[in-house]
Amino acid sequence: MKKEITTYYDQLANNYDTDRFANSYGKYINKQENKIVRKYLSPNHIKNNLDIACGTGRFLLFADFGVDISKKMVTFSKAKFSKKNIQIADAENLPFKNNAINNALSFHLFMHLDLKQVKNIANEVHHVLNNDGLFIFDIPSKKRRKLTNYTSSGWHGANQASKKDILNSIEDKWNLVNYYGIAFFPIHRIPFRLRKYFIWLDTFLCNSIFKEYSSHLIFILKKK
């Protein structure tokens, strides 16, 4: 599956930013995700922070290291951030020494894997993180997909998890700091003139007791 993922993103790299984040839905998702990351990481304190599956560099504002399995994605992110240390690497075999990284984040990666790989990567991140380091990542919500009867026909976006699944995967190596929902409503399908009336409600529900029914979940873990 890693070969398929690498090939897919190599082919997508040229138009990734435009196709995924130049439209209204992409801009909204990007804004919501960045808002949550900023609660825990600062662009002014990025030393030894790591962006895993950094792609073209959407979250490299929060890290001075980046890795991605796609050679072409790395080429694009290096062109944008020439002063950062960005390299080709597998998330299950990170090229860093134990305790070398202060904080790590990864977005739109776990959606393509399975829970065994999620656990493997969490363990790998645990090795390279300093004590009390944070690991921030997202994954599609299992409860939302069950509610909507959504199933994926292939590997792309096929993974999903609940809070319980994540807690079972991380075992006793991490503390759950918090978790959030992203996109409770399909904002991109709502007429533009009406969206402002839904955004506040969307944000409220994504932080409420109903947040596990959002489209995606963002988890903030702290290394024990």
N, C-alpha and C. Protein backbone atom coordinates (compact mmCIF):
# COMPACT_ATOMS: atom_id res chain seq x y z
N MET A 1 0.82 -1.21 0.00
CA MET A 1 0.00 0.00 0.00
C MET A 1 0.86 1.27 0.00
N LYS A 2 2.02 1.20 0.63
CA LYS A 2 2.89 2.38 0.66
C LYS A 2 3.31 2.79 -0.75
N LYS A 3 3.52 1.79 -1.60
CA LYS A 3 3.90 2.09 -2.98
C LYS A 3 2.78 2.84 -3.68
N GLU A 4 1.54 2.40 -3.48
CA GLU A 4 0.39 3.06 -4.09
C GLU A 4 0.24 4.50 -3.57
N ILE A 5 0.45 4.68 -2.28
CA ILE A 5 0.35 6.02 -1.69
C ILE A 5 1.43 6.94 -2.26
N THR A 6 2.65 6.42 -2.34
CA THR A 6 3.76 7.21 -2.88
C THR A 6 3.50 7.62 -4.32
N THR A 7 3.08 6.67 -5.13
CA THR A 7 2.79 6.96 -6.54
C THR A 7 1.67 7.98 -6.67
N TYR A 8 0.62 7.82 -5.88
CA TYR A 8 -0.52 8.73 -5.93
C TYR A 8 -0.08 10.17 -5.64
N TYR A 9 0.69 10.36 -4.58
CA TYR A 9 1.08 11.71 -4.20
C TYR A 9 2.19 12.27 -5.08
N ASP A 10 3.02 11.42 -5.66
CA ASP A 10 3.97 11.89 -6.66
C ASP A 10 3.23 12.49 -7.85
N GLN A 11 2.16 11.82 -8.27
CA GLN A 11 1.38 12.29 -9.41
C GLN A 11 0.56 13.53 -9.08
N LEU A 12 0.18 13.67 -7.82
CA LEU A 12 -0.68 14.77 -7.38
C LEU A 12 0.08 16.03 -7.03
N ALA A 13 1.38 15.90 -6.80
CA ALA A 13 2.17 16.99 -6.22
C ALA A 13 2.06 18.31 -6.98
N ASN A 14 2.10 18.26 -8.30
CA ASN A 14 2.09 19.49 -9.10
C ASN A 14 0.87 20.36 -8.82
N ASN A 15 -0.27 19.74 -8.60
CA ASN A 15 -1.52 20.49 -8.44
C ASN A 15 -2.14 20.35 -7.05
N TYR A 16 -1.38 19.80 -6.12
CA TYR A 16 -1.94 19.48 -4.80
C TYR A 16 -2.52 20.71 -4.10
N ASP A 17 -1.76 21.78 -4.01
CA ASP A 17 -2.23 22.96 -3.29
C ASP A 17 -3.49 23.53 -3.92
N THR A 18 -3.52 23.59 -5.24
CA THR A 18 -4.68 24.15 -5.94
C THR A 18 -5.89 23.25 -5.83
N ASP A 19 -5.69 21.96 -6.07
CA ASP A 19 -6.81 21.02 -6.05
C ASP A 19 -7.42 20.84 -4.67
N ARG A 20 -6.59 20.84 -3.63
CA ARG A 20 -7.07 20.51 -2.29
C ARG A 20 -7.40 21.72 -1.42
N PHE A 21 -6.69 22.83 -1.60
CA PHE A 21 -6.83 23.90 -0.62
C PHE A 21 -7.08 25.28 -1.21
N ALA A 22 -7.29 25.36 -2.52
CA ALA A 22 -7.62 26.65 -3.13
C ALA A 22 -9.12 26.88 -3.22
N ASN A 23 -9.91 25.80 -3.07
CA ASN A 23 -11.37 25.95 -3.13
C ASN A 23 -11.92 26.31 -1.74
N SER A 24 -13.18 26.64 -1.67
CA SER A 24 -13.77 27.13 -0.42
C SER A 24 -13.74 26.08 0.69
N TYR A 25 -13.96 24.82 0.33
CA TYR A 25 -13.93 23.75 1.34
C TYR A 25 -12.52 23.58 1.90
N GLY A 26 -11.54 23.53 1.00
CA GLY A 26 -10.16 23.38 1.42
C GLY A 26 -9.69 24.52 2.29
N LYS A 27 -10.08 25.73 1.93
CA LYS A 27 -9.70 26.90 2.72
C LYS A 27 -10.32 26.83 4.12
N TYR A 28 -11.55 26.37 4.19
CA TYR A 28 -12.23 26.27 5.49
C TYR A 28 -11.55 25.22 6.37
N ILE A 29 -11.27 24.04 5.80
CA ILE A 29 -10.62 22.96 6.56
C ILE A 29 -9.24 23.42 7.03
N ASN A 30 -8.50 24.04 6.13
CA ASN A 30 -7.16 24.51 6.48
C ASN A 30 -7.21 25.52 7.63
N LYS A 31 -8.15 26.41 7.58
CA LYS A 31 -8.29 27.43 8.63
C LYS A 31 -8.64 26.78 9.97
N GLN A 32 -9.57 25.83 9.97
CA GLN A 32 -9.98 25.17 11.21
C GLN A 32 -8.84 24.34 11.80
N GLU A 33 -8.13 23.63 10.94
CA GLU A 33 -7.02 22.80 11.43
C GLU A 33 -5.90 23.68 12.01
N ASN A 34 -5.57 24.75 11.30
CA ASN A 34 -4.53 25.65 11.78
C ASN A 34 -4.91 26.30 13.11
N LYS A 35 -6.18 26.60 13.27
CA LYS A 35 -6.64 27.23 14.51
C LYS A 35 -6.38 26.31 15.71
N ILE A 36 -6.62 25.02 15.52
CA ILE A 36 -6.39 24.06 16.60
C ILE A 36 -4.90 23.88 16.87
N VAL A 37 -4.11 23.74 15.81
CA VAL A 37 -2.67 23.56 15.99
C VAL A 37 -2.07 24.74 16.74
N ARG A 38 -2.54 25.96 16.45
CA ARG A 38 -2.01 27.16 17.09
C ARG A 38 -2.30 27.21 18.59
N LYS A 39 -3.23 26.43 19.05
CA LYS A 39 -3.49 26.37 20.49
C LYS A 39 -2.34 25.69 21.23
N TYR A 40 -1.56 24.88 20.48
CA TYR A 40 -0.54 24.07 21.14
C TYR A 40 0.88 24.33 20.63
N LEU A 41 1.01 24.79 19.39
CA LEU A 41 2.31 25.07 18.81
C LEU A 41 2.35 26.51 18.29
N SER A 42 3.51 27.13 18.42
CA SER A 42 3.66 28.51 17.97
C SER A 42 4.63 28.59 16.80
N PRO A 43 4.31 29.37 15.77
CA PRO A 43 5.24 29.57 14.66
C PRO A 43 6.54 30.25 15.12
N ASN A 44 6.52 30.82 16.31
CA ASN A 44 7.71 31.49 16.83
C ASN A 44 8.63 30.56 17.62
N HIS A 45 8.17 29.33 17.85
CA HIS A 45 8.97 28.35 18.60
C HIS A 45 8.90 27.00 17.88
N ILE A 46 9.67 26.88 16.81
CA ILE A 46 9.57 25.69 15.95
C ILE A 46 10.79 24.79 16.04
N LYS A 47 11.78 25.14 16.84
CA LYS A 47 13.03 24.40 16.86
C LYS A 47 12.79 22.93 17.24
N ASN A 48 13.32 22.05 16.39
CA ASN A 48 13.23 20.60 16.58
C ASN A 48 11.79 20.09 16.61
N ASN A 49 10.88 20.81 15.95
CA ASN A 49 9.53 20.30 15.72
C ASN A 49 9.52 19.58 14.37
N LEU A 50 8.70 18.56 14.25
CA LEU A 50 8.68 17.70 13.07
C LEU A 50 7.29 17.60 12.47
N ASP A 51 7.20 17.84 11.15
CA ASP A 51 5.96 17.64 10.40
C ASP A 51 6.10 16.34 9.62
N ILE A 52 5.30 15.34 9.98
CA ILE A 52 5.34 14.02 9.35
C ILE A 52 4.31 13.96 8.23
N ALA A 53 4.74 13.47 7.05
CA ALA A 53 3.91 13.54 5.84
C ALA A 53 3.62 15.00 5.54
N CYS A 54 4.69 15.78 5.44
CA CYS A 54 4.57 17.24 5.32
C CYS A 54 4.00 17.69 3.99
N GLY A 55 3.99 16.81 2.98
CA GLY A 55 3.42 17.19 1.70
C GLY A 55 4.14 18.39 1.11
N THR A 56 3.38 19.37 0.66
CA THR A 56 3.98 20.58 0.07
C THR A 56 4.27 21.64 1.13
N GLY A 57 4.06 21.30 2.40
CA GLY A 57 4.48 22.20 3.48
C GLY A 57 3.39 23.00 4.15
N ARG A 58 2.17 22.50 4.14
CA ARG A 58 1.05 23.26 4.71
C ARG A 58 1.23 23.56 6.19
N PHE A 59 1.92 22.67 6.93
CA PHE A 59 2.11 22.89 8.37
C PHE A 59 3.57 23.11 8.75
N LEU A 60 4.41 23.37 7.78
CA LEU A 60 5.81 23.60 8.09
C LEU A 60 6.05 24.96 8.75
N LEU A 61 5.02 25.75 8.85
CA LEU A 61 5.11 26.99 9.62
C LEU A 61 5.37 26.66 11.09
N PHE A 62 4.98 25.46 11.52
CA PHE A 62 5.09 25.05 12.92
C PHE A 62 6.27 24.11 13.19
N ALA A 63 7.11 23.86 12.20
CA ALA A 63 8.19 22.90 12.36
C ALA A 63 9.40 23.29 11.51
N ASP A 64 10.57 22.91 11.98
CA ASP A 64 11.77 23.14 11.16
C ASP A 64 12.29 21.86 10.51
N PHE A 65 11.63 20.72 10.81
CA PHE A 65 11.93 19.46 10.14
C PHE A 65 10.66 18.95 9.47
N GLY A 66 10.84 18.34 8.31
CA GLY A 66 9.71 17.73 7.62
C GLY A 66 10.13 16.44 6.93
N VAL A 67 9.23 15.46 6.91
CA VAL A 67 9.49 14.21 6.18
C VAL A 67 8.24 13.85 5.37
N ASP A 68 8.46 13.21 4.26
CA ASP A 68 7.35 12.71 3.44
C ASP A 68 7.87 11.55 2.62
N ILE A 69 6.99 10.60 2.33
CA ILE A 69 7.38 9.42 1.56
C ILE A 69 7.44 9.71 0.06
N SER A 70 6.81 10.82 -0.35
CA SER A 70 6.77 11.20 -1.76
C SER A 70 7.93 12.12 -2.12
N LYS A 71 8.74 11.71 -3.07
CA LYS A 71 9.89 12.50 -3.51
C LYS A 71 9.44 13.84 -4.10
N LYS A 72 8.36 13.81 -4.86
CA LYS A 72 7.90 15.05 -5.50
C LYS A 72 7.31 16.02 -4.48
N MET A 73 6.62 15.50 -3.47
CA MET A 73 6.11 16.37 -2.42
C MET A 73 7.26 17.05 -1.69
N VAL A 74 8.32 16.30 -1.43
CA VAL A 74 9.49 16.86 -0.77
C VAL A 74 10.13 17.94 -1.64
N THR A 75 10.17 17.71 -2.93
CA THR A 75 10.73 18.71 -3.85
C THR A 75 9.96 20.02 -3.76
N PHE A 76 8.64 19.94 -3.72
CA PHE A 76 7.81 21.15 -3.63
C PHE A 76 7.97 21.84 -2.28
N SER A 77 7.99 21.08 -1.20
CA SER A 77 8.12 21.70 0.12
C SER A 77 9.50 22.33 0.30
N LYS A 78 10.54 21.72 -0.28
CA LYS A 78 11.88 22.30 -0.21
C LYS A 78 11.95 23.62 -0.98
N ALA A 79 11.23 23.68 -2.10
CA ALA A 79 11.21 24.92 -2.88
C ALA A 79 10.55 26.05 -2.11
N LYS A 80 9.54 25.71 -1.32
CA LYS A 80 8.84 26.72 -0.50
C LYS A 80 9.62 27.11 0.74
N PHE A 81 10.29 26.12 1.33
CA PHE A 81 10.96 26.32 2.62
C PHE A 81 12.42 25.85 2.52
N SER A 82 13.21 26.62 1.80
CA SER A 82 14.58 26.22 1.50
C SER A 82 15.47 26.14 2.74
N LYS A 83 15.11 26.83 3.81
CA LYS A 83 15.94 26.84 5.01
C LYS A 83 15.57 25.73 6.01
N LYS A 84 14.53 24.99 5.72
CA LYS A 84 14.12 23.92 6.62
C LYS A 84 14.75 22.58 6.21
N ASN A 85 14.84 21.69 7.17
CA ASN A 85 15.41 20.37 6.92
C ASN A 85 14.27 19.42 6.54
N ILE A 86 14.14 19.15 5.25
CA ILE A 86 13.05 18.32 4.73
C ILE A 86 13.65 17.16 3.96
N GLN A 87 13.16 15.96 4.22
CA GLN A 87 13.74 14.79 3.56
C GLN A 87 12.70 13.71 3.31
N ILE A 88 13.04 12.80 2.41
CA ILE A 88 12.19 11.66 2.11
C ILE A 88 12.36 10.62 3.22
N ALA A 89 11.26 10.20 3.80
CA ALA A 89 11.33 9.20 4.88
C ALA A 89 9.97 8.56 5.10
N ASP A 90 10.01 7.35 5.62
CA ASP A 90 8.82 6.59 5.98
C ASP A 90 8.46 6.92 7.43
N ALA A 91 7.20 7.22 7.68
CA ALA A 91 6.76 7.59 9.03
C ALA A 91 6.95 6.47 10.04
N GLU A 92 7.03 5.23 9.58
CA GLU A 92 7.25 4.10 10.49
C GLU A 92 8.73 3.86 10.76
N ASN A 93 9.58 4.66 10.12
CA ASN A 93 11.04 4.52 10.33
C ASN A 93 11.66 5.92 10.23
N LEU A 94 11.42 6.74 11.22
CA LEU A 94 11.85 8.14 11.19
C LEU A 94 13.37 8.25 11.35
N PRO A 95 14.01 9.12 10.58
CA PRO A 95 15.47 9.25 10.60
C PRO A 95 15.98 10.20 11.69
N PHE A 96 15.53 9.98 12.92
CA PHE A 96 15.94 10.84 14.03
C PHE A 96 16.30 9.97 15.24
N LYS A 97 17.21 10.47 16.05
CA LYS A 97 17.61 9.77 17.26
C LYS A 97 16.53 9.89 18.32
N ASN A 98 16.58 9.03 19.30
CA ASN A 98 15.64 9.10 20.42
C ASN A 98 15.74 10.46 21.11
N ASN A 99 14.58 11.01 21.45
CA ASN A 99 14.49 12.27 22.19
C ASN A 99 15.05 13.47 21.42
N ALA A 100 15.11 13.38 20.09
CA ALA A 100 15.68 14.46 19.29
C ALA A 100 14.65 15.52 18.90
N ILE A 101 13.36 15.18 18.98
CA ILE A 101 12.29 16.05 18.49
C ILE A 101 11.49 16.60 19.67
N ASN A 102 11.16 17.89 19.59
CA ASN A 102 10.39 18.52 20.67
C ASN A 102 8.90 18.22 20.55
N ASN A 103 8.34 18.42 19.36
CA ASN A 103 6.91 18.18 19.10
C ASN A 103 6.77 17.65 17.67
N ALA A 104 5.72 16.88 17.44
CA ALA A 104 5.47 16.35 16.10
C ALA A 104 4.00 16.52 15.74
N LEU A 105 3.76 16.71 14.44
CA LEU A 105 2.39 16.78 13.96
C LEU A 105 2.29 16.07 12.62
N SER A 106 1.08 15.59 12.31
CA SER A 106 0.87 14.88 11.06
C SER A 106 -0.60 14.99 10.66
N PHE A 107 -0.83 15.52 9.46
CA PHE A 107 -2.20 15.69 8.99
C PHE A 107 -2.40 14.97 7.66
N HIS A 108 -3.58 14.36 7.53
CA HIS A 108 -4.01 13.68 6.31
C HIS A 108 -3.08 12.52 5.94
N LEU A 109 -2.54 11.87 6.96
CA LEU A 109 -1.74 10.67 6.76
C LEU A 109 -2.48 9.44 7.25
N PHE A 110 -2.93 9.45 8.49
CA PHE A 110 -3.55 8.26 9.09
C PHE A 110 -4.83 7.85 8.37
N MET A 111 -5.42 8.75 7.63
CA MET A 111 -6.64 8.43 6.89
C MET A 111 -6.39 7.36 5.83
N HIS A 112 -5.13 7.21 5.39
CA HIS A 112 -4.80 6.26 4.33
C HIS A 112 -4.25 4.94 4.85
N LEU A 113 -4.02 4.82 6.13
CA LEU A 113 -3.36 3.65 6.69
C LEU A 113 -4.36 2.73 7.39
N ASP A 114 -3.91 1.95 8.34
CA ASP A 114 -4.81 1.16 9.18
C ASP A 114 -4.39 1.38 10.63
N LEU A 115 -5.17 0.87 11.56
CA LEU A 115 -4.90 1.15 12.97
C LEU A 115 -3.60 0.53 13.45
N LYS A 116 -3.18 -0.56 12.83
CA LYS A 116 -1.88 -1.16 13.19
C LYS A 116 -0.76 -0.20 12.82
N GLN A 117 -0.85 0.40 11.64
CA GLN A 117 0.17 1.36 11.22
C GLN A 117 0.13 2.62 12.07
N VAL A 118 -1.08 3.04 12.44
CA VAL A 118 -1.21 4.19 13.33
C VAL A 118 -0.45 3.92 14.63
N LYS A 119 -0.63 2.74 15.17
CA LYS A 119 0.06 2.37 16.41
C LYS A 119 1.58 2.34 16.20
N ASN A 120 2.01 1.78 15.07
CA ASN A 120 3.45 1.72 14.77
C ASN A 120 4.06 3.13 14.69
N ILE A 121 3.35 4.03 14.02
CA ILE A 121 3.86 5.39 13.87
C ILE A 121 3.86 6.11 15.21
N ALA A 122 2.80 5.92 16.00
CA ALA A 122 2.75 6.53 17.33
C ALA A 122 3.91 6.06 18.19
N ASN A 123 4.25 4.78 18.08
CA ASN A 123 5.40 4.24 18.82
C ASN A 123 6.71 4.85 18.32
N GLU A 124 6.82 5.00 17.00
CA GLU A 124 8.03 5.59 16.42
C GLU A 124 8.17 7.05 16.86
N VAL A 125 7.08 7.79 16.84
CA VAL A 125 7.10 9.19 17.29
C VAL A 125 7.48 9.25 18.76
N HIS A 126 6.96 8.31 19.54
CA HIS A 126 7.27 8.28 20.97
C HIS A 126 8.78 8.16 21.20
N HIS A 127 9.45 7.36 20.37
CA HIS A 127 10.90 7.19 20.50
C HIS A 127 11.65 8.49 20.24
N VAL A 128 11.24 9.21 19.20
CA VAL A 128 12.03 10.39 18.79
C VAL A 128 11.67 11.65 19.57
N LEU A 129 10.53 11.64 20.27
CA LEU A 129 10.10 12.83 21.01
C LEU A 129 10.82 12.98 22.33
N ASN A 130 11.04 14.24 22.70
CA ASN A 130 11.51 14.56 24.04
C ASN A 130 10.42 14.26 25.06
N ASN A 131 10.79 14.18 26.33
CA ASN A 131 9.79 14.01 27.38
C ASN A 131 8.78 15.15 27.36
N ASP A 132 7.51 14.79 27.52
CA ASP A 132 6.40 15.76 27.50
C ASP A 132 6.16 16.38 26.13
N GLY A 133 6.79 15.83 25.08
CA GLY A 133 6.54 16.34 23.74
C GLY A 133 5.14 16.02 23.28
N LEU A 134 4.61 16.86 22.39
CA LEU A 134 3.25 16.69 21.87
C LEU A 134 3.27 16.01 20.51
N PHE A 135 2.24 15.21 20.26
CA PHE A 135 2.00 14.62 18.95
C PHE A 135 0.57 14.97 18.55
N ILE A 136 0.43 15.74 17.48
CA ILE A 136 -0.87 16.22 17.01
C ILE A 136 -1.15 15.59 15.65
N PHE A 137 -2.31 14.95 15.51
CA PHE A 137 -2.64 14.29 14.24
C PHE A 137 -4.16 14.24 14.05
N ASP A 138 -4.57 13.97 12.82
CA ASP A 138 -5.99 13.85 12.52
C ASP A 138 -6.30 12.49 11.93
N ILE A 139 -7.58 12.12 11.99
CA ILE A 139 -8.04 10.85 11.42
C ILE A 139 -9.56 10.95 11.22
N PRO A 140 -10.10 10.35 10.17
CA PRO A 140 -11.56 10.36 9.98
C PRO A 140 -12.29 9.71 11.15
N SER A 141 -13.47 10.22 11.44
CA SER A 141 -14.25 9.75 12.58
C SER A 141 -15.05 8.48 12.24
N LYS A 142 -14.83 7.43 13.01
CA LYS A 142 -15.57 6.18 12.81
C LYS A 142 -17.06 6.37 13.08
N LYS A 143 -17.40 7.12 14.12
CA LYS A 143 -18.81 7.32 14.47
C LYS A 143 -19.55 8.09 13.38
N ARG A 144 -18.88 9.06 12.78
CA ARG A 144 -19.51 9.81 11.69
C ARG A 144 -19.75 8.90 10.49
N ARG A 145 -18.77 8.09 10.16
CA ARG A 145 -18.92 7.22 8.99
C ARG A 145 -19.98 6.15 9.21
N LYS A 146 -20.07 5.68 10.44
CA LYS A 146 -21.12 4.70 10.75
C LYS A 146 -22.49 5.35 10.64
N LEU A 147 -22.58 6.59 11.09
CA LEU A 147 -23.85 7.32 11.04
C LEU A 147 -24.31 7.56 9.61
N THR A 148 -23.35 7.86 8.73
CA THR A 148 -23.68 8.19 7.34
C THR A 148 -23.56 7.00 6.39
N ASN A 149 -23.19 5.82 6.94
CA ASN A 149 -23.00 4.62 6.13
C ASN A 149 -21.94 4.79 5.05
N TYR A 150 -20.90 5.56 5.37
CA TYR A 150 -19.83 5.79 4.40
C TYR A 150 -18.84 4.64 4.41
N THR A 151 -18.46 4.16 3.23
CA THR A 151 -17.40 3.17 3.09
C THR A 151 -16.50 3.59 1.94
N SER A 152 -15.22 3.32 2.06
CA SER A 152 -14.27 3.64 1.01
C SER A 152 -14.08 2.44 0.10
N SER A 153 -13.93 2.70 -1.19
CA SER A 153 -13.78 1.60 -2.15
C SER A 153 -12.33 1.15 -2.29
N GLY A 154 -11.41 1.91 -1.72
CA GLY A 154 -9.99 1.56 -1.82
C GLY A 154 -9.22 2.06 -0.61
N TRP A 155 -7.91 2.19 -0.74
CA TRP A 155 -7.07 2.60 0.38
C TRP A 155 -7.21 4.09 0.69
N HIS A 156 -7.57 4.88 -0.32
CA HIS A 156 -7.58 6.34 -0.13
C HIS A 156 -8.65 6.76 0.88
N GLY A 157 -8.20 7.28 2.01
CA GLY A 157 -9.14 7.75 3.03
C GLY A 157 -9.93 6.64 3.69
N ALA A 158 -9.44 5.41 3.63
CA ALA A 158 -10.23 4.28 4.11
C ALA A 158 -10.18 4.09 5.62
N ASN A 159 -9.16 4.63 6.28
CA ASN A 159 -9.02 4.43 7.71
C ASN A 159 -9.95 5.35 8.49
N GLN A 160 -10.27 4.93 9.70
CA GLN A 160 -11.18 5.69 10.56
C GLN A 160 -10.95 5.24 11.99
N ALA A 161 -11.33 6.08 12.93
CA ALA A 161 -11.12 5.70 14.34
C ALA A 161 -12.06 6.49 15.23
N SER A 162 -12.31 5.93 16.39
CA SER A 162 -13.04 6.62 17.45
C SER A 162 -12.03 7.02 18.52
N LYS A 163 -12.47 7.78 19.48
CA LYS A 163 -11.61 8.11 20.61
C LYS A 163 -11.14 6.83 21.30
N LYS A 164 -12.04 5.88 21.46
CA LYS A 164 -11.72 4.61 22.11
C LYS A 164 -10.63 3.86 21.34
N ASP A 165 -10.73 3.85 20.01
CA ASP A 165 -9.72 3.18 19.18
C ASP A 165 -8.34 3.78 19.41
N ILE A 166 -8.29 5.10 19.43
CA ILE A 166 -7.01 5.78 19.62
C ILE A 166 -6.44 5.49 20.99
N LEU A 167 -7.28 5.54 22.02
CA LEU A 167 -6.81 5.26 23.37
C LEU A 167 -6.29 3.83 23.49
N ASN A 168 -6.94 2.89 22.81
CA ASN A 168 -6.48 1.50 22.82
C ASN A 168 -5.14 1.34 22.08
N SER A 169 -4.94 2.16 21.05
CA SER A 169 -3.72 2.07 20.24
C SER A 169 -2.51 2.65 20.95
N ILE A 170 -2.71 3.70 21.72
CA ILE A 170 -1.56 4.39 22.33
C ILE A 170 -1.13 3.73 23.63
N GLU A 171 -1.93 2.83 24.17
CA GLU A 171 -1.62 2.08 25.38
C GLU A 171 -1.25 3.03 26.51
N ASP A 172 -0.13 2.76 27.19
CA ASP A 172 0.22 3.57 28.36
C ASP A 172 1.40 4.50 28.08
N LYS A 173 1.66 4.77 26.80
CA LYS A 173 2.82 5.60 26.44
C LYS A 173 2.49 7.08 26.30
N TRP A 174 1.20 7.38 26.22
CA TRP A 174 0.78 8.76 25.96
C TRP A 174 -0.35 9.17 26.90
N ASN A 175 -0.43 10.45 27.15
CA ASN A 175 -1.60 11.05 27.79
C ASN A 175 -2.40 11.78 26.72
N LEU A 176 -3.71 11.61 26.74
CA LEU A 176 -4.58 12.36 25.83
C LEU A 176 -4.81 13.74 26.43
N VAL A 177 -4.29 14.76 25.77
CA VAL A 177 -4.45 16.14 26.23
C VAL A 177 -5.85 16.64 25.89
N ASN A 178 -6.24 16.42 24.65
CA ASN A 178 -7.57 16.85 24.19
C ASN A 178 -7.80 16.31 22.78
N TYR A 179 -9.03 16.41 22.31
CA TYR A 179 -9.32 16.10 20.92
C TYR A 179 -10.47 16.97 20.45
N TYR A 180 -10.51 17.20 19.14
CA TYR A 180 -11.47 18.14 18.54
C TYR A 180 -12.08 17.53 17.29
N GLY A 181 -13.23 18.04 16.93
CA GLY A 181 -13.85 17.66 15.67
C GLY A 181 -13.56 18.70 14.60
N ILE A 182 -13.60 18.26 13.35
CA ILE A 182 -13.44 19.15 12.20
C ILE A 182 -14.57 18.87 11.23
N ALA A 183 -15.27 19.92 10.83
CA ALA A 183 -16.32 19.83 9.80
C ALA A 183 -17.50 18.96 10.24
N PHE A 184 -18.30 19.47 11.15
CA PHE A 184 -19.53 18.79 11.54
C PHE A 184 -20.54 18.83 10.40
N PHE A 185 -20.60 20.00 9.73
CA PHE A 185 -21.48 20.17 8.57
C PHE A 185 -20.66 20.18 7.28
N PRO A 186 -21.26 19.80 6.17
CA PRO A 186 -20.58 19.93 4.87
C PRO A 186 -20.64 21.39 4.41
N ILE A 187 -19.82 22.23 5.03
CA ILE A 187 -19.86 23.67 4.80
C ILE A 187 -19.75 24.00 3.31
N HIS A 188 -18.94 23.24 2.58
CA HIS A 188 -18.71 23.55 1.17
C HIS A 188 -19.96 23.35 0.31
N ARG A 189 -20.95 22.65 0.83
CA ARG A 189 -22.18 22.42 0.08
C ARG A 189 -23.28 23.42 0.42
N ILE A 190 -23.00 24.24 1.41
CA ILE A 190 -23.97 25.26 1.82
C ILE A 190 -23.73 26.52 0.98
N PRO A 191 -24.78 27.15 0.42
CA PRO A 191 -24.59 28.38 -0.36
C PRO A 191 -23.73 29.39 0.39
N PHE A 192 -22.82 30.03 -0.35
CA PHE A 192 -21.83 30.91 0.27
C PHE A 192 -22.47 31.97 1.15
N ARG A 193 -23.57 32.53 0.73
CA ARG A 193 -24.20 33.62 1.49
C ARG A 193 -24.77 33.14 2.83
N LEU A 194 -24.94 31.83 2.96
CA LEU A 194 -25.50 31.28 4.21
C LEU A 194 -24.45 30.67 5.13
N ARG A 195 -23.23 30.53 4.63
CA ARG A 195 -22.21 29.80 5.40
C ARG A 195 -21.89 30.45 6.73
N LYS A 196 -21.86 31.76 6.77
CA LYS A 196 -21.48 32.44 8.01
C LYS A 196 -22.45 32.10 9.15
N TYR A 197 -23.67 31.73 8.80
CA TYR A 197 -24.64 31.38 9.84
C TYR A 197 -24.43 29.96 10.37
N PHE A 198 -23.71 29.16 9.59
CA PHE A 198 -23.45 27.78 10.01
C PHE A 198 -22.07 27.59 10.64
N ILE A 199 -21.11 28.46 10.31
CA ILE A 199 -19.75 28.28 10.78
C ILE A 199 -19.67 28.32 12.31
N TRP A 200 -20.37 29.25 12.94
CA TRP A 200 -20.31 29.33 14.40
C TRP A 200 -20.91 28.07 15.03
N LEU A 201 -21.99 27.55 14.41
CA LEU A 201 -22.61 26.34 14.93
C LEU A 201 -21.71 25.13 14.69
N ASP A 202 -21.06 25.10 13.53
CA ASP A 202 -20.14 24.03 13.20
C ASP A 202 -19.00 23.99 14.23
N THR A 203 -18.44 25.15 14.52
CA THR A 203 -17.34 25.24 15.49
C THR A 203 -17.81 24.80 16.88
N PHE A 204 -19.00 25.22 17.25
CA PHE A 204 -19.55 24.85 18.55
C PHE A 204 -19.71 23.33 18.67
N LEU A 205 -20.31 22.71 17.67
CA LEU A 205 -20.57 21.27 17.72
C LEU A 205 -19.26 20.46 17.67
N CYS A 206 -18.26 20.99 16.96
CA CYS A 206 -16.97 20.30 16.86
C CYS A 206 -16.19 20.36 18.17
N ASN A 207 -16.66 21.14 19.11
CA ASN A 207 -16.02 21.23 20.43
C ASN A 207 -16.97 20.78 21.54
N SER A 208 -18.07 20.17 21.17
CA SER A 208 -19.10 19.78 22.14
C SER A 208 -19.05 18.28 22.42
N ILE A 209 -20.02 17.80 23.18
CA ILE A 209 -20.11 16.36 23.46
C ILE A 209 -20.42 15.55 22.20
N PHE A 210 -20.78 16.25 21.11
CA PHE A 210 -21.10 15.57 19.85
C PHE A 210 -19.91 15.56 18.88
N LYS A 211 -18.73 15.97 19.33
CA LYS A 211 -17.62 16.17 18.40
C LYS A 211 -17.16 14.90 17.70
N GLU A 212 -17.41 13.73 18.30
CA GLU A 212 -17.01 12.49 17.62
C GLU A 212 -17.83 12.22 16.36
N TYR A 213 -18.87 13.00 16.15
CA TYR A 213 -19.68 12.85 14.94
C TYR A 213 -19.28 13.87 13.87
N SER A 214 -18.17 14.56 14.09
CA SER A 214 -17.60 15.43 13.06
C SER A 214 -16.96 14.56 11.98
N SER A 215 -16.63 15.17 10.85
CA SER A 215 -16.03 14.41 9.76
C SER A 215 -14.67 13.84 10.15
N HIS A 216 -13.82 14.68 10.74
CA HIS A 216 -12.49 14.27 11.17
C HIS A 216 -12.29 14.62 12.64
N LEU A 217 -11.35 13.95 13.26
CA LEU A 217 -10.97 14.23 14.64
C LEU A 217 -9.49 14.58 14.69
N ILE A 218 -9.16 15.56 15.51
CA ILE A 218 -7.76 15.91 15.75
C ILE A 218 -7.43 15.57 17.20
N PHE A 219 -6.37 14.78 17.38
CA PHE A 219 -5.96 14.35 18.71
C PHE A 219 -4.65 15.05 19.10
N ILE A 220 -4.57 15.44 20.36
CA ILE A 220 -3.34 16.00 20.92
C ILE A 220 -2.88 15.07 22.03
N LEU A 221 -1.76 14.39 21.79
CA LEU A 221 -1.19 13.47 22.77
C LEU A 221 0.09 14.07 23.35
N LYS A 222 0.37 13.72 24.62
CA LYS A 222 1.62 14.12 25.25
C LYS A 222 2.36 12.87 25.69
N LYS A 223 3.65 12.85 25.36
CA LYS A 223 4.47 11.70 25.73
C LYS A 223 4.61 11.58 27.24
N LYS A 224 4.41 10.37 27.74
CA LYS A 224 4.61 10.12 29.17
C LYS A 224 6.10 9.96 29.46
